[in-house]
Protein backbone atom coordinates (compact mmCIF):
# COMPACT_ATOMS: atom_id res chain seq x y z
CA MET A 1 -5.11 1.87 59.59
CA LYS A 2 -3.47 -1.02 57.76
CA ASN A 3 -6.87 -2.46 56.85
CA LYS A 4 -7.98 0.92 55.52
CA ILE A 5 -4.87 1.23 53.33
CA LYS A 6 -5.36 -2.34 52.14
CA LYS A 7 -8.97 -1.61 51.15
CA ILE A 8 -7.88 1.54 49.29
CA LEU A 9 -5.21 -0.41 47.37
CA ILE A 10 -7.68 -3.14 46.49
CA LEU A 11 -10.20 -0.55 45.32
CA LEU A 12 -7.51 1.22 43.31
CA PHE A 13 -6.52 -2.09 41.72
CA ILE A 14 -10.13 -2.83 40.80
CA VAL A 15 -10.54 0.64 39.25
CA ILE A 16 -7.33 0.24 37.22
CA CYS A 17 -8.45 -3.19 35.99
CA PHE A 18 -11.87 -1.82 35.08
CA VAL A 19 -10.39 1.10 33.15
CA GLY A 20 -8.02 -1.29 31.39
CA VAL A 21 -10.86 -3.59 30.32
CA VAL A 22 -12.99 -0.67 29.13
CA TYR A 23 -10.06 0.73 27.13
CA TYR A 24 -9.36 -2.68 25.59
CA PHE A 25 -12.94 -3.14 24.42
CA TYR A 26 -13.01 0.45 23.16
CA LYS A 27 -9.91 -0.23 21.03
CA VAL A 28 -11.45 -3.45 19.71
CA PHE A 29 -14.66 -1.58 18.88
CA ILE A 30 -12.76 1.17 17.03
CA TRP A 31 -10.65 -1.40 15.19
CA ASN A 32 -13.63 -3.44 14.03
CA LYS A 33 -15.58 -0.33 13.07
CA SER A 34 -12.67 0.92 10.97
CA LEU A 35 -12.38 -2.41 9.16
CA ASN A 36 -16.13 -2.63 8.56
CA ASP A 37 -16.31 0.98 7.34
CA ASN A 38 -13.49 0.38 4.87
CA SER A 39 -14.98 -2.90 3.69
CA THR A 40 -18.27 -1.16 2.91
CA LEU A 41 -16.44 1.73 1.30
CA LYS A 42 -14.38 -0.56 -0.93
CA SER A 43 -17.52 -2.34 -2.13
CA GLU A 44 -18.97 1.01 -3.16
CA ILE A 45 -15.76 2.05 -4.91
CA ASP A 46 -15.41 -1.30 -6.71
CA GLU A 47 -18.58 -0.49 -8.63
CA LEU A 48 -16.56 2.24 -10.36
CA VAL A 49 -13.73 -0.18 -11.21
CA ILE A 50 -14.62 -2.66 -13.95
CA MET A 51 -12.30 -5.33 -15.36
CA GLU A 52 -12.80 -5.85 -19.06
CA ASP A 53 -11.11 -7.18 -22.18
CA ASP A 54 -11.16 -4.63 -24.97
CA GLU A 55 -9.38 -6.24 -27.94
CA GLU A 56 -9.31 -3.01 -29.95
CA SER A 57 -7.64 -0.84 -27.29
CA ASN A 58 -6.02 -3.73 -25.38
CA ASN A 59 -7.44 -2.22 -22.17
CA LYS A 60 -8.07 -4.47 -19.18
CA PHE A 61 -9.77 -1.97 -16.90
CA ASN A 62 -12.46 0.65 -17.07
CA ILE A 63 -11.97 3.10 -14.19
CA ASP A 64 -14.51 5.87 -13.68
CA PHE A 65 -11.99 8.46 -12.48
CA GLU A 66 -14.48 11.29 -12.90
CA SER A 67 -16.86 9.77 -10.37
CA LEU A 68 -14.02 8.72 -8.07
CA LYS A 69 -12.60 12.24 -8.01
CA LYS A 70 -16.01 13.64 -7.17
CA LYS A 71 -15.92 11.42 -4.09
CA ASN A 72 -12.29 12.26 -3.35
CA SER A 73 -10.27 14.72 -5.41
CA ASP A 74 -7.05 13.07 -4.13
CA THR A 75 -7.69 10.02 -6.36
CA VAL A 76 -4.67 9.37 -8.59
CA ALA A 77 -4.67 5.70 -9.63
CA TYR A 78 -5.84 2.12 -9.32
CA ILE A 79 -3.45 -0.69 -8.40
CA LYS A 80 -3.80 -4.48 -8.77
CA VAL A 81 -1.32 -7.18 -7.75
CA ASN A 82 -2.13 -10.71 -8.90
CA ASN A 83 -2.88 -13.38 -6.29
CA THR A 84 -3.09 -10.88 -3.44
CA LYS A 85 -5.97 -8.81 -2.13
CA ILE A 86 -4.29 -5.65 -3.42
CA ASP A 87 -6.99 -4.26 -5.68
CA TYR A 88 -7.45 -0.63 -4.65
CA VAL A 89 -8.07 2.89 -5.82
CA VAL A 90 -5.01 4.92 -4.81
CA VAL A 91 -5.08 8.41 -3.31
CA LYS A 92 -2.32 10.98 -2.71
CA GLY A 93 -2.29 13.48 0.15
CA LYS A 94 -0.28 16.62 0.83
CA ASP A 95 2.06 14.52 2.97
CA ASN A 96 2.70 10.85 3.76
CA ASP A 97 0.89 10.95 7.11
CA TYR A 98 -2.72 11.86 6.37
CA TYR A 99 -3.85 8.61 4.72
CA LEU A 100 -2.12 6.51 7.34
CA HIS A 101 -5.16 7.26 9.51
CA HIS A 102 -7.85 8.45 7.08
CA ASN A 103 -9.79 6.39 4.56
CA PHE A 104 -10.98 7.21 1.04
CA ASN A 105 -13.82 9.33 2.45
CA LYS A 106 -11.26 11.34 4.45
CA LYS A 107 -12.69 10.04 7.71
CA TRP A 108 -10.40 9.04 10.57
CA ASN A 109 -9.71 5.31 10.33
CA VAL A 110 -7.05 3.14 11.96
CA ALA A 111 -6.59 1.18 8.71
CA GLY A 112 -6.08 4.32 6.64
CA TRP A 113 -6.07 3.80 2.87
CA VAL A 114 -3.73 2.83 0.04
CA PHE A 115 -1.83 6.00 -0.92
CA ALA A 116 0.97 7.24 -3.15
CA ASP A 117 4.00 9.17 -2.00
CA TYR A 118 3.12 12.86 -2.00
CA HIS A 119 6.25 13.62 -4.06
CA ASN A 120 4.88 11.70 -7.05
CA LYS A 121 3.25 13.73 -9.82
CA PHE A 122 1.48 11.07 -11.93
CA ASP A 123 2.14 13.08 -15.09
CA GLU A 124 4.30 10.30 -16.60
CA SER A 125 7.49 12.04 -15.43
CA ASP A 126 7.99 9.99 -12.25
CA LYS A 127 11.03 7.72 -12.27
CA ASN A 128 9.84 5.90 -9.15
CA ILE A 129 6.15 5.81 -8.22
CA VAL A 130 5.88 4.73 -4.58
CA ILE A 131 2.64 3.37 -3.09
CA TYR A 132 2.05 2.50 0.58
CA GLY A 133 -0.55 0.61 2.57
CA HIS A 134 -0.94 -0.75 6.09
CA ASN A 135 -0.24 -4.42 6.78
CA MET A 136 -3.73 -5.21 8.10
CA LYS A 137 -4.25 -8.60 9.78
CA ASN A 138 -7.53 -9.17 7.92
CA GLY A 139 -5.69 -8.85 4.60
CA SER A 140 -7.11 -5.46 3.65
CA MET A 141 -4.98 -2.58 2.34
CA PHE A 142 -1.46 -4.05 1.88
CA GLY A 143 -2.09 -6.86 4.36
CA THR A 144 -1.28 -9.46 1.70
CA LEU A 145 1.80 -7.76 0.24
CA LYS A 146 3.97 -10.06 2.38
CA THR A 147 2.65 -12.90 0.20
CA ILE A 148 5.23 -11.87 -2.41
CA LEU A 149 7.98 -13.33 -0.21
CA ASN A 150 6.49 -16.82 -0.54
CA LYS A 151 8.16 -19.07 -3.12
CA LYS A 152 4.78 -20.17 -4.47
CA TRP A 153 3.98 -16.54 -5.30
CA TYR A 154 7.23 -15.32 -6.82
CA LYS A 155 7.78 -18.42 -8.94
CA ASN A 156 4.33 -18.08 -10.51
CA LYS A 157 4.89 -16.16 -13.77
CA LYS A 158 1.31 -14.87 -13.66
CA ASN A 159 2.37 -12.75 -10.69
CA ASN A 160 5.24 -11.06 -12.54
CA ILE A 161 3.03 -8.25 -13.82
CA VAL A 162 1.53 -5.47 -11.69
CA ASN A 163 -1.21 -3.30 -13.17
CA LEU A 164 -1.43 0.44 -12.53
CA VAL A 165 -4.14 2.63 -14.06
CA THR A 166 -4.20 6.44 -14.00
CA GLU A 167 -6.19 9.06 -15.87
CA ASN A 168 -3.38 9.05 -18.46
CA GLY A 169 -3.69 5.35 -19.27
CA GLU A 170 -3.00 1.76 -18.24
CA TYR A 171 0.49 0.63 -17.30
CA SER A 172 2.01 -2.81 -16.92
CA TYR A 173 5.03 -3.21 -14.65
CA GLN A 174 7.27 -6.27 -14.53
CA VAL A 175 8.46 -7.29 -11.06
CA PHE A 176 12.25 -7.33 -10.75
CA SER A 177 12.93 -7.19 -7.00
CA ILE A 178 11.20 -8.35 -3.79
CA TYR A 179 12.60 -8.30 -0.27
CA SER A 180 12.12 -7.34 3.37
CA ILE A 181 14.28 -4.69 5.02
CA ASP A 182 14.54 -2.49 8.08
CA SER A 183 12.73 0.83 7.84
CA GLU A 184 14.70 3.30 5.69
CA ASP A 185 14.24 6.14 3.20
CA TYR A 186 16.53 4.92 0.42
CA TYR A 187 14.20 2.70 -1.61
CA ILE A 188 11.34 5.24 -1.47
CA ASN A 189 13.44 7.94 -3.14
CA THR A 190 11.44 9.62 -5.92
CA LYS A 191 13.86 12.30 -7.08
CA PHE A 192 17.10 11.71 -8.99
CA LYS A 193 19.59 14.19 -10.46
CA ASN A 194 20.03 12.21 -13.66
CA ASN A 195 19.73 8.76 -15.23
CA LYS A 196 23.18 7.81 -13.96
CA GLU A 197 22.09 8.34 -10.37
CA PHE A 198 18.87 6.43 -11.03
CA ASP A 199 20.82 3.58 -12.62
CA LYS A 200 22.89 3.27 -9.43
CA PHE A 201 19.66 3.27 -7.43
CA VAL A 202 17.98 0.46 -9.42
CA LYS A 203 21.12 -1.69 -9.29
CA LYS A 204 21.11 -1.37 -5.51
CA ILE A 205 17.45 -2.28 -5.02
CA LYS A 206 17.71 -5.08 -7.59
CA SER A 207 20.65 -6.62 -5.70
CA ARG A 208 18.46 -6.89 -2.58
CA SER A 209 15.93 -9.23 -4.17
CA ILE A 210 15.44 -12.67 -2.63
CA TYR A 211 14.69 -14.00 -6.11
CA ASN A 212 16.50 -13.40 -9.39
CA TYR A 213 13.87 -12.34 -11.90
CA LYS A 214 16.52 -11.89 -14.61
CA VAL A 215 14.94 -8.59 -15.65
CA ASP A 216 17.20 -5.88 -17.06
CA VAL A 217 16.65 -2.49 -15.44
CA SER A 218 18.60 0.66 -16.27
CA GLY A 219 18.64 4.39 -15.63
CA ASN A 220 16.41 4.90 -18.66
CA ASP A 221 13.55 2.91 -17.12
CA LYS A 222 10.69 3.96 -14.86
CA ILE A 223 9.68 1.85 -11.89
CA LEU A 224 6.90 1.21 -9.40
CA THR A 225 7.54 0.54 -5.71
CA LEU A 226 5.07 -0.99 -3.24
CA SER A 227 5.83 -0.89 0.47
CA SER A 228 4.24 -1.98 3.73
CA CYS A 229 5.30 -2.76 7.27
CA ILE A 230 5.82 -6.40 8.20
CA GLY A 231 6.06 -7.85 11.69
CA THR A 232 6.52 -5.73 14.81
CA LYS A 233 10.14 -4.57 14.57
CA GLY A 234 9.76 -1.85 11.97
CA LYS A 235 10.67 -4.04 9.00
CA ARG A 236 9.23 -3.40 5.56
CA VAL A 237 8.22 -5.69 2.72
CA VAL A 238 9.02 -4.18 -0.68
CA LEU A 239 8.21 -4.87 -4.32
CA HIS A 240 9.85 -3.11 -7.27
CA ALA A 241 8.65 -3.44 -10.87
CA LYS A 242 9.70 -1.70 -14.09
CA LEU A 243 7.36 -0.16 -16.65
CA ILE A 244 7.14 -2.40 -19.72
CA GLU A 245 3.88 -1.38 -21.39
CA GLU A 246 1.43 1.50 -21.46
CA ASN A 247 -1.87 1.93 -23.27
């Protein structure tokens, strides 16, 4: 009887180990497929995003929004952060969950896509445009946003400007605050009662910065916020920049 029970336990152990191994390789397969799918997809999309120098209009980018919106009507912008791999077309869903696990083609994907907060309107009325992306280990999406916390990055003046392009025009934002923080809702607030409330908000997020950019920000300004997870304890890496130029 004891031998029979022992054999059953051994068999059960073997089955559990087998299932565990199969599940592990399945997860690896899904992970790699998601990354490969998004890599291919980004290459296709990049053909509709052209960097250029137009001296007459002072434009730096030529974004074919018409074609992009035919592929995905949720397209709202293009974002570029110097000396990172953040160079993406931005989408906006009906909530902040959908694009956590769906890519630009609206197919399920563990890496998701770079997306804007669903509260944002992109009609030039937003006081705080918030854009999210997963911290992917291969550097895709917002996987390199944590680079902003490195002294070499934030002391390089070429990295002080973040470019955002929408159908309404091109916008340059000057970085004024960078930091990491526990997960919270405060810094992703997009609605403010008045400029006084917004002024209090920007003073708070500016005071969190690990580096003093010496950039004046007030309640009359408009800002851009980039956010991604960092590490495994729910912390976030955050960048704030104020609008300084639009074309």
